[in-house]
């Protein structure tokens, strides 16, 4: 059982060090990408409307 408790202690110690960045904390670069994508989606396709 000593090896199992040592493994559990090691896993607990490593999980305390883990730092996962969540999508909403990634910063200005991601915000700019999302804004650009939203603007492109909101803008109608000019080529499609010109062909009619």
PDB file of N, CA and C in Angstrom:
ATOM      1  N   UNK A   1       0.805  -1.198   0.000  1.00  0.00           N
ATOM      2  CA  UNK A   1       0.000   0.000   0.000  1.00  0.00           C
ATOM      3  C   UNK A   1       0.846   1.260   0.000  1.00  0.00           C
ATOM      4  N   UNK A   2       2.103   1.130   0.366  1.00  0.00           N
ATOM      5  CA  UNK A   2       2.970   2.309   0.427  1.00  0.00           C
ATOM      6  C   UNK A   2       3.144   2.927  -0.954  1.00  0.00           C
ATOM      7  N   UNK A   3       3.273   2.078  -1.973  1.00  0.00           N
ATOM      8  CA  UNK A   3       3.459   2.622  -3.319  1.00  0.00           C
ATOM      9  C   UNK A   3       2.196   3.336  -3.803  1.00  0.00           C
ATOM     10  N   UNK A   4       1.018   2.829  -3.424  1.00  0.00           N
ATOM     11  CA  UNK A   4      -0.229   3.464  -3.829  1.00  0.00           C
ATOM     12  C   UNK A   4      -0.372   4.840  -3.170  1.00  0.00           C
ATOM     13  N   UNK A   5      -0.062   4.947  -1.877  1.00  0.00           N
ATOM     14  CA  UNK A   5      -0.173   6.239  -1.199  1.00  0.00           C
ATOM     15  C   UNK A   5       0.872   7.211  -1.727  1.00  0.00           C
ATOM     16  N   UNK A   6       2.048   6.704  -2.097  1.00  0.00           N
ATOM     17  CA  UNK A   6       3.079   7.557  -2.692  1.00  0.00           C
ATOM     18  C   UNK A   6       2.603   8.070  -4.045  1.00  0.00           C
ATOM     19  N   UNK A   7       1.968   7.223  -4.827  1.00  0.00           N
ATOM     20  CA  UNK A   7       1.441   7.624  -6.124  1.00  0.00           C
ATOM     21  C   UNK A   7       0.364   8.694  -5.963  1.00  0.00           C
ATOM     22  N   UNK A   8      -0.516   8.493  -4.993  1.00  0.00           N
ATOM     23  CA  UNK A   8      -1.580   9.472  -4.735  1.00  0.00           C
ATOM     24  C   UNK A   8      -0.974  10.809  -4.316  1.00  0.00           C
ATOM     25  N   UNK A   9       0.031  10.771  -3.462  1.00  0.00           N
ATOM     26  CA  UNK A   9       0.689  12.002  -3.019  1.00  0.00           C
ATOM     27  C   UNK A   9       1.357  12.707  -4.198  1.00  0.00           C
ATOM     28  N   UNK A  10       1.982  11.952  -5.080  1.00  0.00           N
ATOM     29  CA  UNK A  10       2.631  12.534  -6.249  1.00  0.00           C
ATOM     30  C   UNK A  10       1.604  13.168  -7.184  1.00  0.00           C
ATOM     31  N   UNK A  11       0.508  12.495  -7.413  1.00  0.00           N
ATOM     32  CA  UNK A  11      -0.550  13.033  -8.271  1.00  0.00           C
ATOM     33  C   UNK A  11      -1.128  14.308  -7.674  1.00  0.00           C
ATOM     34  N   UNK A  12      -1.372  14.313  -6.382  1.00  0.00           N
ATOM     35  CA  UNK A  12      -1.917  15.489  -5.710  1.00  0.00           C
ATOM     36  C   UNK A  12      -0.949  16.668  -5.810  1.00  0.00           C
ATOM     37  N   UNK A  13       0.338  16.392  -5.645  1.00  0.00           N
ATOM     38  CA  UNK A  13       1.343  17.455  -5.723  1.00  0.00           C
ATOM     39  C   UNK A  13       1.423  18.026  -7.140  1.00  0.00           C
ATOM     40  N   UNK A  14       1.409  17.184  -8.138  1.00  0.00           N
ATOM     41  CA  UNK A  14       1.474  17.643  -9.526  1.00  0.00           C
ATOM     42  C   UNK A  14       0.209  18.397  -9.936  1.00  0.00           C
ATOM     43  N   UNK A  15      -0.939  17.957  -9.451  1.00  0.00           N
ATOM     44  CA  UNK A  15      -2.178  18.649  -9.813  1.00  0.00           C
ATOM     45  C   UNK A  15      -2.243  20.035  -9.184  1.00  0.00           C
ATOM     46  N   UNK A  16      -1.590  20.228  -8.059  1.00  0.00           N
ATOM     47  CA  UNK A  16      -1.548  21.550  -7.436  1.00  0.00           C
ATOM     48  C   UNK A  16      -0.720  22.518  -8.276  1.00  0.00           C
ATOM     49  N   UNK A  17       0.276  22.012  -9.016  1.00  0.00           N
ATOM     50  CA  UNK A  17       1.120  22.854  -9.862  1.00  0.00           C
ATOM     51  C   UNK A  17       0.468  23.183 -11.199  1.00  0.00           C
ATOM     52  N   UNK A  18      -0.504  22.413 -11.606  1.00  0.00           N
ATOM     53  CA  UNK A  18      -1.103  22.560 -12.921  1.00  0.00           C
ATOM     54  C   UNK A  18      -1.815  23.905 -13.063  1.00  0.00           C
ATOM     55  N   UNK A  19      -1.511  24.607 -14.131  1.00  0.00           N
ATOM     56  CA  UNK A  19      -2.171  25.881 -14.410  1.00  0.00           C
ATOM     57  C   UNK A  19      -2.780  25.804 -15.796  1.00  0.00           C
ATOM     58  N   UNK A  20      -4.081  25.709 -15.854  1.00  0.00           N
ATOM     59  CA  UNK A  20      -4.793  25.641 -17.125  1.00  0.00           C
ATOM     60  C   UNK A  20      -5.396  26.997 -17.401  1.00  0.00           C
ATOM     61  N   UNK A  21      -5.121  27.530 -18.576  1.00  0.00           N
ATOM     62  CA  UNK A  21      -5.713  28.806 -18.946  1.00  0.00           C
ATOM     63  C   UNK A  21      -7.063  28.545 -19.586  1.00  0.00           C
ATOM     64  N   UNK A  22      -8.064  29.162 -19.045  1.00  0.00           N
ATOM     65  CA  UNK A  22      -9.412  29.018 -19.573  1.00  0.00           C
ATOM     66  C   UNK A  22      -9.579  29.954 -20.771  1.00  0.00           C
ATOM     67  N   UNK A  23     -10.497  29.639 -21.687  1.00  0.00           N
ATOM     68  CA  UNK A  23     -10.643  30.438 -22.904  1.00  0.00           C
ATOM     69  C   UNK A  23     -10.883  31.919 -22.649  1.00  0.00           C
ATOM     70  N   UNK A  24     -11.557  32.264 -21.572  1.00  0.00           N
ATOM     71  CA  UNK A  24     -11.861  33.667 -21.337  1.00  0.00           C
ATOM     72  C   UNK A  24     -10.707  34.415 -20.688  1.00  0.00           C
ATOM     73  N   UNK A  25      -9.590  33.750 -20.402  1.00  0.00           N
ATOM     74  CA  UNK A  25      -8.441  34.422 -19.802  1.00  0.00           C
ATOM     75  C   UNK A  25      -7.264  34.511 -20.756  1.00  0.00           C
ATOM     76  N   UNK A  26      -7.467  34.278 -22.030  1.00  0.00           N
ATOM     77  CA  UNK A  26      -6.341  34.196 -22.956  1.00  0.00           C
ATOM     78  C   UNK A  26      -5.873  35.544 -23.486  1.00  0.00           C
ATOM     79  N   UNK A  27      -6.615  36.601 -23.258  1.00  0.00           N
ATOM     80  CA  UNK A  27      -6.062  37.910 -23.548  1.00  0.00           C
ATOM     81  C   UNK A  27      -6.585  38.607 -24.783  1.00  0.00           C
ATOM     82  N   UNK A  28      -5.878  39.691 -25.087  1.00  0.00           N
ATOM     83  CA  UNK A  28      -6.302  40.610 -26.141  1.00  0.00           C
ATOM     84  C   UNK A  28      -6.236  39.980 -27.535  1.00  0.00           C
ATOM     85  N   UNK A  29      -5.272  39.112 -27.777  1.00  0.00           N
ATOM     86  CA  UNK A  29      -5.149  38.501 -29.104  1.00  0.00           C
ATOM     87  C   UNK A  29      -6.393  37.686 -29.447  1.00  0.00           C
ATOM     88  N   UNK A  30      -6.891  36.929 -28.473  1.00  0.00           N
ATOM     89  CA  UNK A  30      -8.097  36.137 -28.703  1.00  0.00           C
ATOM     90  C   UNK A  30      -9.315  37.040 -28.876  1.00  0.00           C
ATOM     91  N   UNK A  31      -9.407  38.088 -28.067  1.00  0.00           N
ATOM     92  CA  UNK A  31     -10.524  39.030 -28.195  1.00  0.00           C
ATOM     93  C   UNK A  31     -10.549  39.669 -29.580  1.00  0.00           C
ATOM     94  N   UNK A  32      -9.369  40.027 -30.106  1.00  0.00           N
ATOM     95  CA  UNK A  32      -9.292  40.622 -31.438  1.00  0.00           C
ATOM     96  C   UNK A  32      -9.732  39.626 -32.505  1.00  0.00           C
ATOM     97  N   UNK A  33      -9.328  38.373 -32.369  1.00  0.00           N
ATOM     98  CA  UNK A  33      -9.729  37.346 -33.330  1.00  0.00           C
ATOM     99  C   UNK A  33     -11.237  37.142 -33.319  1.00  0.00           C
ATOM    100  N   UNK A  34     -11.824  37.093 -32.131  1.00  0.00           N
ATOM    101  CA  UNK A  34     -13.271  36.900 -32.017  1.00  0.00           C
ATOM    102  C   UNK A  34     -14.016  38.086 -32.623  1.00  0.00           C
ATOM    103  N   UNK A  35     -13.540  39.313 -32.369  1.00  0.00           N
ATOM    104  CA  UNK A  35     -14.181  40.504 -32.926  1.00  0.00           C
ATOM    105  C   UNK A  35     -14.090  40.507 -34.453  1.00  0.00           C
ATOM    106  N   UNK A  36     -12.953  40.104 -34.987  1.00  0.00           N
ATOM    107  CA  UNK A  36     -12.776  40.059 -36.443  1.00  0.00           C
ATOM    108  C   UNK A  36     -13.715  39.018 -37.062  1.00  0.00           C
ATOM    109  N   UNK A  37     -13.829  37.875 -36.429  1.00  0.00           N
ATOM    110  CA  UNK A  37     -14.705  36.821 -36.937  1.00  0.00           C
ATOM    111  C   UNK A  37     -16.175  37.248 -36.868  1.00  0.00           C
ATOM    112  N   UNK A  38     -16.557  37.916 -35.791  1.00  0.00           N
ATOM    113  CA  UNK A  38     -17.932  38.386 -35.649  1.00  0.00           C
ATOM    114  C   UNK A  38     -18.254  39.453 -36.684  1.00  0.00           C
ATOM    115  N   UNK A  39     -17.307  40.329 -36.969  1.00  0.00           N
ATOM    116  CA  UNK A  39     -17.519  41.380 -37.959  1.00  0.00           C
ATOM    117  C   UNK A  39     -17.667  40.771 -39.356  1.00  0.00           C
ATOM    118  N   UNK A  40     -16.883  39.760 -39.654  1.00  0.00           N
ATOM    119  CA  UNK A  40     -16.975  39.101 -40.958  1.00  0.00           C
ATOM    120  C   UNK A  40     -18.308  38.368 -41.102  1.00  0.00           C
ATOM    121  N   UNK A  41     -18.806  37.802 -40.036  1.00  0.00           N
ATOM    122  CA  UNK A  41     -20.083  37.081 -40.080  1.00  0.00           C
ATOM    123  C   UNK A  41     -21.258  38.049 -40.219  1.00  0.00           C
ATOM    124  N   UNK A  42     -21.129  39.235 -39.652  1.00  0.00           N
ATOM    125  CA  UNK A  42     -22.210  40.217 -39.705  1.00  0.00           C
ATOM    126  C   UNK A  42     -22.276  40.927 -41.058  1.00  0.00           C
ATOM    127  N   UNK A  43     -21.165  40.961 -41.764  1.00  0.00           N
ATOM    128  CA  UNK A  43     -21.085  41.650 -43.052  1.00  0.00           C
ATOM    129  C   UNK A  43     -21.616  40.748 -44.152  1.00  0.00           C
ATOM    130  N   UNK A  44     -22.582  41.210 -44.955  1.00  0.00           N
ATOM    131  CA  UNK A  44     -23.108  40.376 -46.038  1.00  0.00           C
ATOM    132  C   UNK A  44     -22.061  40.151 -47.126  1.00  0.00           C
ATOM    133  N   UNK A  45     -22.170  39.039 -47.790  1.00  0.00           N
ATOM    134  CA  UNK A  45     -21.245  38.706 -48.868  1.00  0.00           C
ATOM    135  C   UNK A  45     -21.542  39.603 -50.073  1.00  0.00           C
ATOM    136  N   UNK A  46     -20.624  40.477 -50.417  1.00  0.00           N
ATOM    137  CA  UNK A  46     -20.834  41.457 -51.490  1.00  0.00           C
ATOM    138  C   UNK A  46     -20.914  40.771 -52.862  1.00  0.00           C
ATOM    139  N   UNK A  47     -20.131  39.756 -53.088  1.00  0.00           N
ATOM    140  CA  UNK A  47     -20.128  39.097 -54.381  1.00  0.00           C
ATOM    141  C   UNK A  47     -21.476  38.393 -54.651  1.00  0.00           C
ATOM    142  N   UNK A  48     -22.058  37.831 -53.658  1.00  0.00           N
ATOM    143  CA  UNK A  48     -23.331  37.138 -53.803  1.00  0.00           C
ATOM    144  C   UNK A  48     -24.443  38.131 -54.164  1.00  0.00           C
ATOM    145  N   UNK A  49     -24.447  39.282 -53.526  1.00  0.00           N
ATOM    146  CA  UNK A  49     -25.496  40.283 -53.786  1.00  0.00           C
ATOM    147  C   UNK A  49     -25.274  40.974 -55.130  1.00  0.00           C
ATOM    148  N   UNK A  50     -24.048  41.134 -55.591  1.00  0.00           N
ATOM    149  CA  UNK A  50     -23.757  41.799 -56.858  1.00  0.00           C
ATOM    150  C   UNK A  50     -24.193  40.932 -58.051  1.00  0.00           C
ATOM    151  N   UNK A  51     -24.181  39.628 -57.895  1.00  0.00           N
ATOM    152  CA  UNK A  51     -24.503  38.726 -58.991  1.00  0.00           C
ATOM    153  C   UNK A  51     -26.007  38.710 -59.295  1.00  0.00           C
ATOM    154  N   UNK A  52     -26.825  39.149 -58.410  1.00  0.00           N
ATOM    155  CA  UNK A  52     -28.273  39.084 -58.604  1.00  0.00           C
ATOM    156  C   UNK A  52     -28.792  40.192 -59.446  1.00  0.00           C
TER     157      UNK A  52
END
